Amino acid sequence: MESRDELLQALHKVEAWERDQKDLWFWEKLGRLPFVLLDKLTPKFLQDKMGQALDELIGYIETGGRYLIQESAVTKRFVPKVGRSDITLDQVSGLPIAMMDQVSDEFAKSRSKFATWQGATTGVGGIFTLAIDIPLLLGLSLKVLQEISLSYGYDPQDKNERVFMIKCLQFTSSDFVGKKAILESIDSTNRQQTFSQLQGWREVLLLQTENFGWKKLFQLIPIAGILFGAYLNKKSIDDLAETARMLYRKRRILERLEQPVIDDAESNPIS
């Protein structure tokens, strides 16, 4: 287990990242300007698909549904690192944070590569294949969030954890004011109230549809969507994975700082 000084140093790095979360870069703001106009040009079937994606996010929060992944898919990544035949999620929660960082980084890089391939593939047919891209990117986003959650010892089977993941998803597409509000709600001392604090599901999640503003603009042109689809899908997953890793890392650090000091024998989670 890390010393208190090591935990504080790790916490300072996360806090420095939080301070660096400036307002949206210029081109992202510009990309939102044609959003209303593009909505009018978007075929009804595509609008229905985006509405369905929002409904599925709500369903995921409530029940987990078909998006829940198996805990063992993540915990087995720790097995060779700790030299055991198996390891439980409770034991993962007591491992060194550096080891958690390593495993979460492996998942982030893997999903980033897949997102690039997926975005390029669904960009071939222009705006019409965006109807395929939306649920695929949603599923990949929820998958990487769960993998990172489990990497830090948190269980997506818990509804409050699923709400936390949606907040991570919301954070990546929010402006400076929105990010500040999300960080404040996450840092609340009563984290169990997170679920009740998240009001107006559809209004909150509609923000996610703005992520498709640039895609809808450039995928009006078939083939050109390959380049932009690959880049934007990769960037979406990279940003989301970074956000999730930082926020889950911060939670684990703060929880350990709150724990009473114990000796080395008691701190070994897999002894």
Protein backbone atom coordinates (compact mmCIF):
# COMPACT_ATOMS: atom_id res chain seq x y z
CA MET A 1 0.00 0.00 0.00
CA GLU A 2 1.20 3.52 -0.74
CA SER A 3 2.40 5.85 1.98
CA ARG A 4 0.40 8.97 2.77
CA ASP A 5 3.00 11.15 1.01
CA GLU A 6 2.77 9.00 -2.13
CA LEU A 7 -1.03 9.25 -2.09
CA LEU A 8 -0.87 13.03 -1.71
CA GLN A 9 1.55 13.30 -4.64
CA ALA A 10 -0.80 11.18 -6.77
CA LEU A 11 -3.73 13.35 -5.71
CA HIS A 12 -1.86 16.53 -6.69
CA LYS A 13 -1.40 15.13 -10.21
CA VAL A 14 -5.14 14.53 -10.54
CA GLU A 15 -5.91 18.01 -9.21
CA ALA A 16 -3.47 19.51 -11.74
CA TRP A 17 -5.37 17.68 -14.50
CA GLU A 18 -8.65 19.09 -13.18
CA ARG A 19 -7.25 22.63 -13.35
CA ASP A 20 -6.20 22.02 -16.95
CA GLN A 21 -9.76 21.27 -18.03
CA LYS A 22 -10.30 24.58 -19.78
CA ASP A 23 -13.26 25.65 -21.85
CA LEU A 24 -14.00 23.78 -25.09
CA TRP A 25 -11.44 24.37 -27.82
CA PHE A 26 -12.47 26.74 -30.60
CA TRP A 27 -13.27 24.14 -33.25
CA GLU A 28 -15.50 22.20 -30.89
CA LYS A 29 -17.48 25.39 -30.23
CA LEU A 30 -17.65 26.09 -33.93
CA GLY A 31 -18.83 22.55 -34.52
CA ARG A 32 -21.85 23.17 -32.32
CA LEU A 33 -23.01 26.22 -34.26
CA PRO A 34 -24.54 24.28 -37.16
CA PHE A 35 -26.07 21.71 -34.82
CA VAL A 36 -29.62 23.11 -34.90
CA LEU A 37 -29.52 23.55 -38.69
CA LEU A 38 -28.11 20.08 -39.18
CA ASP A 39 -30.88 18.63 -37.07
CA LYS A 40 -33.33 19.96 -39.64
CA LEU A 41 -31.34 18.24 -42.40
CA THR A 42 -31.01 14.98 -40.53
CA PRO A 43 -33.29 12.18 -41.73
CA LYS A 44 -35.97 11.17 -39.24
CA PHE A 45 -34.58 7.64 -38.93
CA LEU A 46 -31.27 9.08 -37.71
CA GLN A 47 -32.99 11.35 -35.21
CA ASP A 48 -34.90 8.30 -33.96
CA LYS A 49 -31.62 6.41 -33.61
CA MET A 50 -30.14 9.18 -31.48
CA GLY A 51 -33.25 9.24 -29.33
CA GLN A 52 -32.94 5.49 -28.91
CA ALA A 53 -29.34 5.92 -27.77
CA LEU A 54 -30.50 8.32 -25.06
CA ASP A 55 -33.17 5.86 -23.95
CA GLU A 56 -30.54 3.13 -23.74
CA LEU A 57 -28.32 5.31 -21.55
CA ILE A 58 -31.25 5.79 -19.19
CA GLY A 59 -31.92 2.06 -19.24
CA TYR A 60 -28.25 1.37 -18.51
CA ILE A 61 -28.37 3.55 -15.41
CA GLU A 62 -31.50 1.83 -14.17
CA THR A 63 -30.64 -1.83 -14.81
CA GLY A 64 -27.29 -2.14 -16.56
CA GLY A 65 -29.06 -4.10 -19.27
CA ARG A 66 -27.13 -5.65 -22.12
CA TYR A 67 -24.19 -3.30 -21.66
CA LEU A 68 -22.94 -4.79 -18.39
CA ILE A 69 -19.63 -6.63 -18.77
CA GLN A 70 -18.28 -9.53 -16.71
CA GLU A 71 -16.13 -8.67 -13.74
CA SER A 72 -13.70 -11.49 -14.58
CA ALA A 73 -12.88 -9.84 -17.93
CA VAL A 74 -11.00 -7.18 -15.96
CA THR A 75 -9.83 -8.93 -12.80
CA LYS A 76 -7.96 -11.57 -14.81
CA ARG A 77 -5.67 -8.79 -16.07
CA PHE A 78 -4.32 -8.49 -12.52
CA VAL A 79 -3.59 -12.20 -12.12
CA PRO A 80 -0.10 -12.26 -13.68
CA LYS A 81 0.78 -9.00 -11.94
CA VAL A 82 0.06 -10.36 -8.43
CA GLY A 83 1.24 -13.92 -9.05
CA ARG A 84 -2.01 -15.68 -8.18
CA SER A 85 -4.35 -18.02 -10.03
CA ASP A 86 -7.30 -15.68 -9.47
CA ILE A 87 -8.26 -12.43 -7.77
CA THR A 88 -11.53 -10.90 -6.60
CA LEU A 89 -12.76 -7.35 -7.09
CA ASP A 90 -12.43 -6.71 -3.35
CA GLN A 91 -8.77 -7.70 -3.60
CA VAL A 92 -8.30 -5.45 -6.63
CA SER A 93 -9.53 -2.50 -4.55
CA GLY A 94 -6.60 -2.99 -2.18
CA LEU A 95 -3.85 -3.24 -4.80
CA PRO A 96 -1.33 -0.43 -5.43
CA ILE A 97 -2.79 2.43 -7.45
CA ALA A 98 0.14 2.21 -9.86
CA MET A 99 -1.02 -1.30 -10.77
CA MET A 100 -4.59 -0.06 -11.25
CA ASP A 101 -3.25 2.71 -13.50
CA GLN A 102 -1.37 0.17 -15.60
CA VAL A 103 -4.38 -2.07 -16.18
CA SER A 104 -6.74 0.83 -16.90
CA ASP A 105 -4.21 2.23 -19.38
CA GLU A 106 -4.10 -1.12 -21.19
CA PHE A 107 -7.88 -1.06 -21.63
CA ALA A 108 -7.85 2.60 -22.72
CA LYS A 109 -5.26 1.99 -25.45
CA SER A 110 -7.05 -1.12 -26.69
CA ARG A 111 -10.43 0.64 -26.94
CA SER A 112 -8.83 3.66 -28.61
CA LYS A 113 -7.49 1.49 -31.42
CA PHE A 114 -10.86 -0.21 -31.83
CA ALA A 115 -12.65 3.16 -31.91
CA THR A 116 -10.37 4.34 -34.73
CA TRP A 117 -11.18 1.28 -36.82
CA GLN A 118 -14.89 1.53 -36.01
CA GLY A 119 -15.11 5.23 -36.91
CA ALA A 120 -13.37 4.67 -40.23
CA THR A 121 -15.59 1.72 -41.10
CA THR A 122 -18.86 3.48 -40.34
CA GLY A 123 -17.67 6.62 -42.14
CA VAL A 124 -17.70 4.92 -45.54
CA GLY A 125 -21.36 5.52 -46.31
CA GLY A 126 -21.74 9.12 -45.20
CA ILE A 127 -24.51 10.27 -42.90
CA PHE A 128 -26.54 7.08 -43.29
CA THR A 129 -23.92 4.82 -41.71
CA LEU A 130 -23.85 7.23 -38.76
CA ALA A 131 -27.00 5.39 -37.68
CA ILE A 132 -24.74 2.36 -37.16
CA ASP A 133 -21.96 4.36 -35.56
CA ILE A 134 -24.11 5.89 -32.80
CA PRO A 135 -25.01 2.67 -30.94
CA LEU A 136 -21.57 1.19 -31.56
CA LEU A 137 -19.82 4.21 -30.06
CA LEU A 138 -22.27 4.26 -27.16
CA GLY A 139 -21.60 0.61 -26.41
CA LEU A 140 -17.83 1.09 -26.64
CA SER A 141 -18.02 4.13 -24.36
CA LEU A 142 -19.94 2.25 -21.69
CA LYS A 143 -17.58 -0.70 -22.02
CA VAL A 144 -14.42 1.33 -21.47
CA LEU A 145 -16.06 3.11 -18.52
CA GLN A 146 -16.87 -0.21 -16.88
CA GLU A 147 -13.39 -1.60 -17.55
CA ILE A 148 -11.78 1.41 -15.91
CA SER A 149 -14.27 1.30 -13.04
CA LEU A 150 -13.39 -2.34 -12.37
CA SER A 151 -9.68 -1.59 -12.77
CA TYR A 152 -9.93 0.66 -9.70
CA GLY A 153 -12.04 -1.83 -7.76
CA TYR A 154 -15.52 -0.34 -8.29
CA ASP A 155 -18.47 -2.49 -9.28
CA PRO A 156 -20.71 -1.41 -12.22
CA GLN A 157 -23.43 -3.66 -10.82
CA ASP A 158 -24.00 -0.84 -8.31
CA LYS A 159 -26.46 1.72 -9.72
CA ASN A 160 -24.55 4.59 -8.11
CA GLU A 161 -21.44 3.50 -9.99
CA ARG A 162 -23.36 3.56 -13.26
CA VAL A 163 -24.50 7.10 -12.49
CA PHE A 164 -20.87 8.03 -11.83
CA MET A 165 -19.95 6.65 -15.26
CA ILE A 166 -22.62 8.77 -16.95
CA LYS A 167 -21.19 11.79 -15.16
CA CYS A 168 -17.78 10.91 -16.64
CA LEU A 169 -19.44 10.69 -20.05
CA GLN A 170 -21.14 14.04 -19.50
CA PHE A 171 -17.89 15.63 -18.30
CA THR A 172 -16.08 14.99 -21.59
CA SER A 173 -18.58 17.06 -23.60
CA SER A 174 -19.30 19.82 -21.06
CA ASP A 175 -17.92 23.34 -21.10
CA PHE A 176 -15.85 24.78 -18.26
CA VAL A 177 -18.88 25.67 -16.14
CA GLY A 178 -20.41 22.23 -16.65
CA LYS A 179 -17.16 20.46 -15.80
CA LYS A 180 -16.82 22.48 -12.63
CA ALA A 181 -20.36 21.57 -11.57
CA ILE A 182 -19.74 17.88 -12.25
CA LEU A 183 -16.48 17.88 -10.28
CA GLU A 184 -18.25 19.55 -7.36
CA SER A 185 -21.04 16.96 -7.40
CA ILE A 186 -18.52 14.12 -7.58
CA ASP A 187 -16.51 15.58 -4.70
CA SER A 188 -19.63 15.77 -2.54
CA THR A 189 -19.05 14.18 0.85
CA ASN A 190 -22.28 12.22 0.51
CA ARG A 191 -21.51 10.33 -2.70
CA GLN A 192 -24.40 7.94 -2.15
CA GLN A 193 -26.75 10.79 -3.05
CA THR A 194 -25.27 11.01 -6.56
CA PHE A 195 -28.18 9.11 -8.08
CA SER A 196 -30.81 11.43 -6.60
CA GLN A 197 -28.79 14.51 -7.60
CA LEU A 198 -28.89 13.62 -11.30
CA GLN A 199 -32.11 15.31 -12.38
CA GLY A 200 -33.85 15.44 -15.75
CA TRP A 201 -32.35 12.38 -17.46
CA ARG A 202 -33.20 13.40 -21.00
CA GLU A 203 -32.07 17.01 -20.58
CA VAL A 204 -28.73 15.91 -19.12
CA LEU A 205 -28.08 13.22 -21.73
CA LEU A 206 -29.12 15.36 -24.70
CA LEU A 207 -25.77 17.06 -24.25
CA GLN A 208 -24.21 13.87 -25.58
CA THR A 209 -25.90 14.29 -28.96
CA GLU A 210 -23.83 17.43 -29.55
CA ASN A 211 -20.82 15.14 -29.86
CA PHE A 212 -22.23 14.10 -33.21
CA GLY A 213 -22.34 17.68 -34.55
CA TRP A 214 -19.07 17.44 -36.45
CA LYS A 215 -19.83 13.92 -37.64
CA LYS A 216 -23.18 14.96 -39.03
CA LEU A 217 -21.50 17.87 -40.78
CA PHE A 218 -18.70 15.93 -42.46
CA GLN A 219 -20.51 12.65 -42.95
CA LEU A 220 -22.93 14.40 -45.26
CA ILE A 221 -20.10 13.65 -47.72
CA PRO A 222 -19.54 9.90 -48.23
CA ILE A 223 -15.93 8.66 -48.01
CA ALA A 224 -14.79 11.90 -46.28
CA GLY A 225 -16.45 10.43 -43.21
CA ILE A 226 -13.75 7.75 -43.07
CA LEU A 227 -11.07 10.21 -42.00
CA PHE A 228 -13.23 12.26 -39.68
CA GLY A 229 -15.03 9.21 -38.31
CA ALA A 230 -11.74 7.52 -37.39
CA TYR A 231 -10.31 10.66 -35.77
CA LEU A 232 -13.45 11.71 -33.88
CA ASN A 233 -14.25 8.24 -32.55
CA LYS A 234 -10.67 7.84 -31.35
CA LYS A 235 -10.73 11.27 -29.73
CA SER A 236 -14.07 10.55 -28.05
CA ILE A 237 -12.76 7.35 -26.46
CA ASP A 238 -9.37 8.86 -25.57
CA ASP A 239 -11.01 11.81 -23.79
CA LEU A 240 -13.52 9.59 -22.03
CA ALA A 241 -10.87 7.11 -20.89
CA GLU A 242 -8.66 9.91 -19.56
CA THR A 243 -11.58 11.44 -17.65
CA ALA A 244 -12.62 8.10 -16.16
CA ARG A 245 -9.08 7.18 -15.15
CA MET A 246 -8.49 10.51 -13.44
CA LEU A 247 -11.80 10.63 -11.60
CA TYR A 248 -11.70 7.00 -10.45
CA ARG A 249 -8.07 7.40 -9.47
CA LYS A 250 -8.97 10.44 -7.37
CA ARG A 251 -11.78 8.54 -5.62
CA ARG A 252 -9.48 5.66 -4.73
CA ILE A 253 -6.78 8.02 -3.45
CA LEU A 254 -9.21 10.00 -1.29
CA GLU A 255 -10.68 6.82 0.17
CA ARG A 256 -7.22 5.59 1.12
CA LEU A 257 -6.29 8.91 2.68
CA GLU A 258 -9.38 8.58 4.86
CA GLN A 259 -8.35 5.11 6.07
CA PRO A 260 -6.53 4.72 9.39
CA VAL A 261 -2.83 3.88 9.19
CA ILE A 262 -2.24 0.10 9.29
CA ASP A 263 0.89 -2.01 9.29
CA ASP A 264 2.33 -3.69 6.19
CA ALA A 265 0.94 -7.15 7.00
CA GLU A 266 -2.60 -5.83 7.30
CA SER A 267 -2.27 -3.73 4.15
CA ASN A 268 -1.52 -6.72 1.89
CA PRO A 269 -4.86 -7.38 0.11
CA ILE A 270 -3.89 -10.77 -1.32
CA SER A 271 -1.90 -12.34 1.47
